[in-house]
Amino acid sequence: MACPICGEDTVRAYRPFCSKRCADIDLGRWMQERYVVPGREGEEEGVPEDDAPDQIQ
């Protein structure tokens, strides 16, 4: 299996990466929002209404 960052062979301790460096590069990309997980069209960010806790009135 090849590391998705540099293409080198992976190492069991850092799989799917080859090293801590490549794992950290990937984490940094997620934290900078360079990667996104697509949602459904029209879905707003946050808690869906069905999952929102009931408000006490």
PDB file of N, CA and C in Angstrom:
ATOM      1  N   MET A   1       0.849  -1.165   0.000  1.00  0.00           N
ATOM      2  CA  MET A   1       0.000   0.000   0.000  1.00  0.00           C
ATOM      3  C   MET A   1       0.900   1.235   0.000  1.00  0.00           C
ATOM      4  N   ALA A   2       0.543   2.233  -0.787  1.00  0.00           N
ATOM      5  CA  ALA A   2       1.347   3.449  -0.898  1.00  0.00           C
ATOM      6  C   ALA A   2       0.765   4.569  -0.032  1.00  0.00           C
ATOM      7  N   CYS A   3       1.643   5.354   0.557  1.00  0.00           N
ATOM      8  CA  CYS A   3       1.255   6.515   1.357  1.00  0.00           C
ATOM      9  C   CYS A   3       0.532   7.515   0.456  1.00  0.00           C
ATOM     10  N   PRO A   4      -0.640   8.024   0.867  1.00  0.00           N
ATOM     11  CA  PRO A   4      -1.371   8.963   0.027  1.00  0.00           C
ATOM     12  C   PRO A   4      -0.704  10.343  -0.079  1.00  0.00           C
ATOM     13  N   ILE A   5       0.273  10.625   0.762  1.00  0.00           N
ATOM     14  CA  ILE A   5       0.948  11.919   0.733  1.00  0.00           C
ATOM     15  C   ILE A   5       2.176  11.889  -0.173  1.00  0.00           C
ATOM     16  N   CYS A   6       3.057  10.902   0.041  1.00  0.00           N
ATOM     17  CA  CYS A   6       4.321  10.894  -0.711  1.00  0.00           C
ATOM     18  C   CYS A   6       4.490   9.707  -1.660  1.00  0.00           C
ATOM     19  N   GLY A   7       3.661   8.669  -1.510  1.00  0.00           N
ATOM     20  CA  GLY A   7       3.749   7.520  -2.403  1.00  0.00           C
ATOM     21  C   GLY A   7       4.679   6.412  -1.937  1.00  0.00           C
ATOM     22  N   GLU A   8       5.386   6.618  -0.811  1.00  0.00           N
ATOM     23  CA  GLU A   8       6.272   5.571  -0.278  1.00  0.00           C
ATOM     24  C   GLU A   8       5.440   4.437   0.315  1.00  0.00           C
ATOM     25  N   ASP A   9       6.089   3.303   0.597  1.00  0.00           N
ATOM     26  CA  ASP A   9       5.401   2.184   1.237  1.00  0.00           C
ATOM     27  C   ASP A   9       4.954   2.588   2.636  1.00  0.00           C
ATOM     28  N   THR A  10       3.797   2.093   3.058  1.00  0.00           N
ATOM     29  CA  THR A  10       3.278   2.442   4.380  1.00  0.00           C
ATOM     30  C   THR A  10       4.002   1.668   5.474  1.00  0.00           C
ATOM     31  N   VAL A  11       3.884   2.186   6.695  1.00  0.00           N
ATOM     32  CA  VAL A  11       4.449   1.565   7.882  1.00  0.00           C
ATOM     33  C   VAL A  11       3.275   1.271   8.803  1.00  0.00           C
ATOM     34  N   ARG A  12       3.235   0.064   9.363  1.00  0.00           N
ATOM     35  CA  ARG A  12       2.090  -0.370  10.177  1.00  0.00           C
ATOM     36  C   ARG A  12       1.710   0.655  11.253  1.00  0.00           C
ATOM     37  N   ALA A  13       2.664   1.245  11.932  1.00  0.00           N
ATOM     38  CA  ALA A  13       2.390   2.182  13.026  1.00  0.00           C
ATOM     39  C   ALA A  13       1.675   3.449  12.559  1.00  0.00           C
ATOM     40  N   TYR A  14       1.831   3.810  11.275  1.00  0.00           N
ATOM     41  CA  TYR A  14       1.253   5.057  10.766  1.00  0.00           C
ATOM     42  C   TYR A  14       0.275   4.827   9.625  1.00  0.00           C
ATOM     43  N   ARG A  15      -0.095   3.588   9.388  1.00  0.00           N
ATOM     44  CA  ARG A  15      -0.978   3.253   8.277  1.00  0.00           C
ATOM     45  C   ARG A  15      -2.218   4.120   8.257  1.00  0.00           C
ATOM     46  N   PRO A  16      -2.625   4.719   7.172  1.00  0.00           N
ATOM     47  CA  PRO A  16      -2.201   4.453   5.800  1.00  0.00           C
ATOM     48  C   PRO A  16      -1.012   5.290   5.348  1.00  0.00           C
ATOM     49  N   PHE A  17      -0.293   5.888   6.274  1.00  0.00           N
ATOM     50  CA  PHE A  17       0.845   6.732   5.923  1.00  0.00           C
ATOM     51  C   PHE A  17       2.161   5.989   6.137  1.00  0.00           C
ATOM     52  N   CYS A  18       3.262   6.607   5.676  1.00  0.00           N
ATOM     53  CA  CYS A  18       4.573   5.976   5.814  1.00  0.00           C
ATOM     54  C   CYS A  18       5.318   6.480   7.038  1.00  0.00           C
ATOM     55  N   SER A  19       4.889   7.622   7.578  1.00  0.00           N
ATOM     56  CA  SER A  19       5.614   8.216   8.704  1.00  0.00           C
ATOM     57  C   SER A  19       4.711   9.188   9.460  1.00  0.00           C
ATOM     58  N   LYS A  20       5.179   9.604  10.629  1.00  0.00           N
ATOM     59  CA  LYS A  20       4.449  10.604  11.406  1.00  0.00           C
ATOM     60  C   LYS A  20       4.387  11.912  10.634  1.00  0.00           C
ATOM     61  N   ARG A  21       5.439  12.231   9.914  1.00  0.00           N
ATOM     62  CA  ARG A  21       5.468  13.461   9.119  1.00  0.00           C
ATOM     63  C   ARG A  21       4.315  13.505   8.127  1.00  0.00           C
ATOM     64  N   CYS A  22       4.121  12.427   7.361  1.00  0.00           N
ATOM     65  CA  CYS A  22       3.034  12.398   6.381  1.00  0.00           C
ATOM     66  C   CYS A  22       1.669  12.398   7.068  1.00  0.00           C
ATOM     67  N   ALA A  23       1.546  11.710   8.206  1.00  0.00           N
ATOM     68  CA  ALA A  23       0.290  11.731   8.955  1.00  0.00           C
ATOM     69  C   ALA A  23      -0.006  13.152   9.435  1.00  0.00           C
ATOM     70  N   ASP A  24       1.020  13.875   9.901  1.00  0.00           N
ATOM     71  CA  ASP A  24       0.838  15.248  10.358  1.00  0.00           C
ATOM     72  C   ASP A  24       0.484  16.189   9.205  1.00  0.00           C
ATOM     73  N   ILE A  25       1.068  15.969   8.041  1.00  0.00           N
ATOM     74  CA  ILE A  25       0.726  16.771   6.863  1.00  0.00           C
ATOM     75  C   ILE A  25      -0.755  16.593   6.540  1.00  0.00           C
ATOM     76  N   ASP A  26      -1.231  15.351   6.563  1.00  0.00           N
ATOM     77  CA  ASP A  26      -2.632  15.065   6.280  1.00  0.00           C
ATOM     78  C   ASP A  26      -3.541  15.719   7.320  1.00  0.00           C
ATOM     79  N   LEU A  27      -3.187  15.609   8.606  1.00  0.00           N
ATOM     80  CA  LEU A  27      -3.969  16.223   9.672  1.00  0.00           C
ATOM     81  C   LEU A  27      -4.038  17.741   9.475  1.00  0.00           C
ATOM     82  N   GLY A  28      -2.913  18.344   9.127  1.00  0.00           N
ATOM     83  CA  GLY A  28      -2.882  19.789   8.879  1.00  0.00           C
ATOM     84  C   GLY A  28      -3.803  20.192   7.742  1.00  0.00           C
ATOM     85  N   ARG A  29      -3.866  19.383   6.711  1.00  0.00           N
ATOM     86  CA  ARG A  29      -4.772  19.678   5.590  1.00  0.00           C
ATOM     87  C   ARG A  29      -6.227  19.644   6.032  1.00  0.00           C
ATOM     88  N   TRP A  30      -6.580  18.654   6.890  1.00  0.00           N
ATOM     89  CA  TRP A  30      -7.946  18.600   7.420  1.00  0.00           C
ATOM     90  C   TRP A  30      -8.227  19.829   8.262  1.00  0.00           C
ATOM     91  N   MET A  31      -7.278  20.209   9.112  1.00  0.00           N
ATOM     92  CA  MET A  31      -7.482  21.340  10.020  1.00  0.00           C
ATOM     93  C   MET A  31      -7.581  22.670   9.274  1.00  0.00           C
ATOM     94  N   GLN A  32      -6.937  22.764   8.113  1.00  0.00           N
ATOM     95  CA  GLN A  32      -7.014  23.970   7.287  1.00  0.00           C
ATOM     96  C   GLN A  32      -8.207  23.921   6.332  1.00  0.00           C
ATOM     97  N   GLU A  33      -9.029  22.878   6.489  1.00  0.00           N
ATOM     98  CA  GLU A  33     -10.217  22.664   5.662  1.00  0.00           C
ATOM     99  C   GLU A  33      -9.886  22.560   4.174  1.00  0.00           C
ATOM    100  N   ARG A  34      -8.723  21.976   3.861  1.00  0.00           N
ATOM    101  CA  ARG A  34      -8.370  21.724   2.468  1.00  0.00           C
ATOM    102  C   ARG A  34      -9.067  20.474   1.960  1.00  0.00           C
ATOM    103  N   TYR A  35      -9.502  19.620   2.876  1.00  0.00           N
ATOM    104  CA  TYR A  35     -10.320  18.457   2.544  1.00  0.00           C
ATOM    105  C   TYR A  35     -11.718  18.731   3.092  1.00  0.00           C
ATOM    106  N   VAL A  36     -12.728  18.273   2.398  1.00  0.00           N
ATOM    107  CA  VAL A  36     -14.095  18.385   2.906  1.00  0.00           C
ATOM    108  C   VAL A  36     -14.841  17.097   2.609  1.00  0.00           C
ATOM    109  N   VAL A  37     -15.798  16.792   3.453  1.00  0.00           N
ATOM    110  CA  VAL A  37     -16.682  15.659   3.225  1.00  0.00           C
ATOM    111  C   VAL A  37     -17.984  16.253   2.715  1.00  0.00           C
ATOM    112  N   PRO A  38     -18.366  15.930   1.485  1.00  0.00           N
ATOM    113  CA  PRO A  38     -19.572  16.547   0.929  1.00  0.00           C
ATOM    114  C   PRO A  38     -20.826  16.118   1.673  1.00  0.00           C
ATOM    115  N   GLY A  39     -21.739  17.050   1.829  1.00  0.00           N
ATOM    116  CA  GLY A  39     -23.030  16.771   2.456  1.00  0.00           C
ATOM    117  C   GLY A  39     -24.109  16.785   1.386  1.00  0.00           C
ATOM    118  N   ARG A  40     -25.322  16.614   1.835  1.00  0.00           N
ATOM    119  CA  ARG A  40     -26.439  16.680   0.903  1.00  0.00           C
ATOM    120  C   ARG A  40     -26.703  18.129   0.523  1.00  0.00           C
ATOM    121  N   GLU A  41     -27.140  18.360  -0.694  1.00  0.00           N
ATOM    122  CA  GLU A  41     -27.425  19.700  -1.167  1.00  0.00           C
ATOM    123  C   GLU A  41     -28.529  20.335  -0.317  1.00  0.00           C
ATOM    124  N   GLY A  42     -28.331  21.576   0.085  1.00  0.00           N
ATOM    125  CA  GLY A  42     -29.309  22.283   0.877  1.00  0.00           C
ATOM    126  C   GLY A  42     -29.185  22.034   2.363  1.00  0.00           C
ATOM    127  N   GLU A  43     -28.306  21.149   2.752  1.00  0.00           N
ATOM    128  CA  GLU A  43     -28.117  20.840   4.177  1.00  0.00           C
ATOM    129  C   GLU A  43     -27.256  21.923   4.799  1.00  0.00           C
ATOM    130  N   GLU A  44     -27.750  22.521   5.862  1.00  0.00           N
ATOM    131  CA  GLU A  44     -26.999  23.568   6.538  1.00  0.00           C
ATOM    132  C   GLU A  44     -26.056  22.948   7.556  1.00  0.00           C
ATOM    133  N   GLU A  45     -25.008  23.678   7.870  1.00  0.00           N
ATOM    134  CA  GLU A  45     -24.049  23.210   8.861  1.00  0.00           C
ATOM    135  C   GLU A  45     -24.679  23.282  10.242  1.00  0.00           C
ATOM    136  N   GLY A  46     -24.397  22.316  11.081  1.00  0.00           N
ATOM    137  CA  GLY A  46     -24.925  22.322  12.436  1.00  0.00           C
ATOM    138  C   GLY A  46     -25.776  21.092  12.682  1.00  0.00           C
ATOM    139  N   VAL A  47     -26.594  21.168  13.692  1.00  0.00           N
ATOM    140  CA  VAL A  47     -27.423  20.041  14.107  1.00  0.00           C
ATOM    141  C   VAL A  47     -28.719  20.046  13.308  1.00  0.00           C
ATOM    142  N   PRO A  48     -29.059  18.940  12.654  1.00  0.00           N
ATOM    143  CA  PRO A  48     -30.336  18.877  11.945  1.00  0.00           C
ATOM    144  C   PRO A  48     -31.493  19.039  12.920  1.00  0.00           C
ATOM    145  N   GLU A  49     -32.609  19.591  12.441  1.00  0.00           N
ATOM    146  CA  GLU A  49     -33.767  19.833  13.309  1.00  0.00           C
ATOM    147  C   GLU A  49     -34.216  18.571  14.023  1.00  0.00           C
ATOM    148  N   ASP A  50     -34.215  17.435  13.330  1.00  0.00           N
ATOM    149  CA  ASP A  50     -34.663  16.176  13.939  1.00  0.00           C
ATOM    150  C   ASP A  50     -33.793  15.776  15.126  1.00  0.00           C
ATOM    151  N   ASP A  51     -32.520  16.164  15.106  1.00  0.00           N
ATOM    152  CA  ASP A  51     -31.600  15.773  16.161  1.00  0.00           C
ATOM    153  C   ASP A  51     -31.410  16.859  17.218  1.00  0.00           C
ATOM    154  N   ALA A  52     -32.033  18.026  17.024  1.00  0.00           N
ATOM    155  CA  ALA A  52     -31.891  19.118  17.984  1.00  0.00           C
ATOM    156  C   ALA A  52     -32.613  18.774  19.280  1.00  0.00           C
ATOM    157  N   PRO A  53     -32.007  19.096  20.414  1.00  0.00           N
ATOM    158  CA  PRO A  53     -32.685  18.807  21.690  1.00  0.00           C
ATOM    159  C   PRO A  53     -33.935  19.679  21.837  1.00  0.00           C
ATOM    160  N   ASP A  54     -34.940  19.145  22.519  1.00  0.00           N
ATOM    161  CA  ASP A  54     -36.159  19.909  22.757  1.00  0.00           C
ATOM    162  C   ASP A  54     -35.860  21.073  23.692  1.00  0.00           C
ATOM    163  N   GLN A  55     -36.455  22.219  23.370  1.00  0.00           N
ATOM    164  CA  GLN A  55     -36.266  23.392  24.224  1.00  0.00           C
ATOM    165  C   GLN A  55     -37.336  23.420  25.283  1.00  0.00           C
ATOM    166  N   ILE A  56     -36.964  23.756  26.488  1.00  0.00           N
ATOM    167  CA  ILE A  56     -37.922  23.860  27.595  1.00  0.00           C
ATOM    168  C   ILE A  56     -38.513  25.259  27.561  1.00  0.00           C
ATOM    169  N   GLN A  57     -39.831  25.336  27.598  1.00  0.00           N
ATOM    170  CA  GLN A  57     -40.489  26.646  27.556  1.00  0.00           C
ATOM    171  C   GLN A  57     -41.193  26.934  28.831  1.00  0.00           C
TER     172      GLN A  57
END
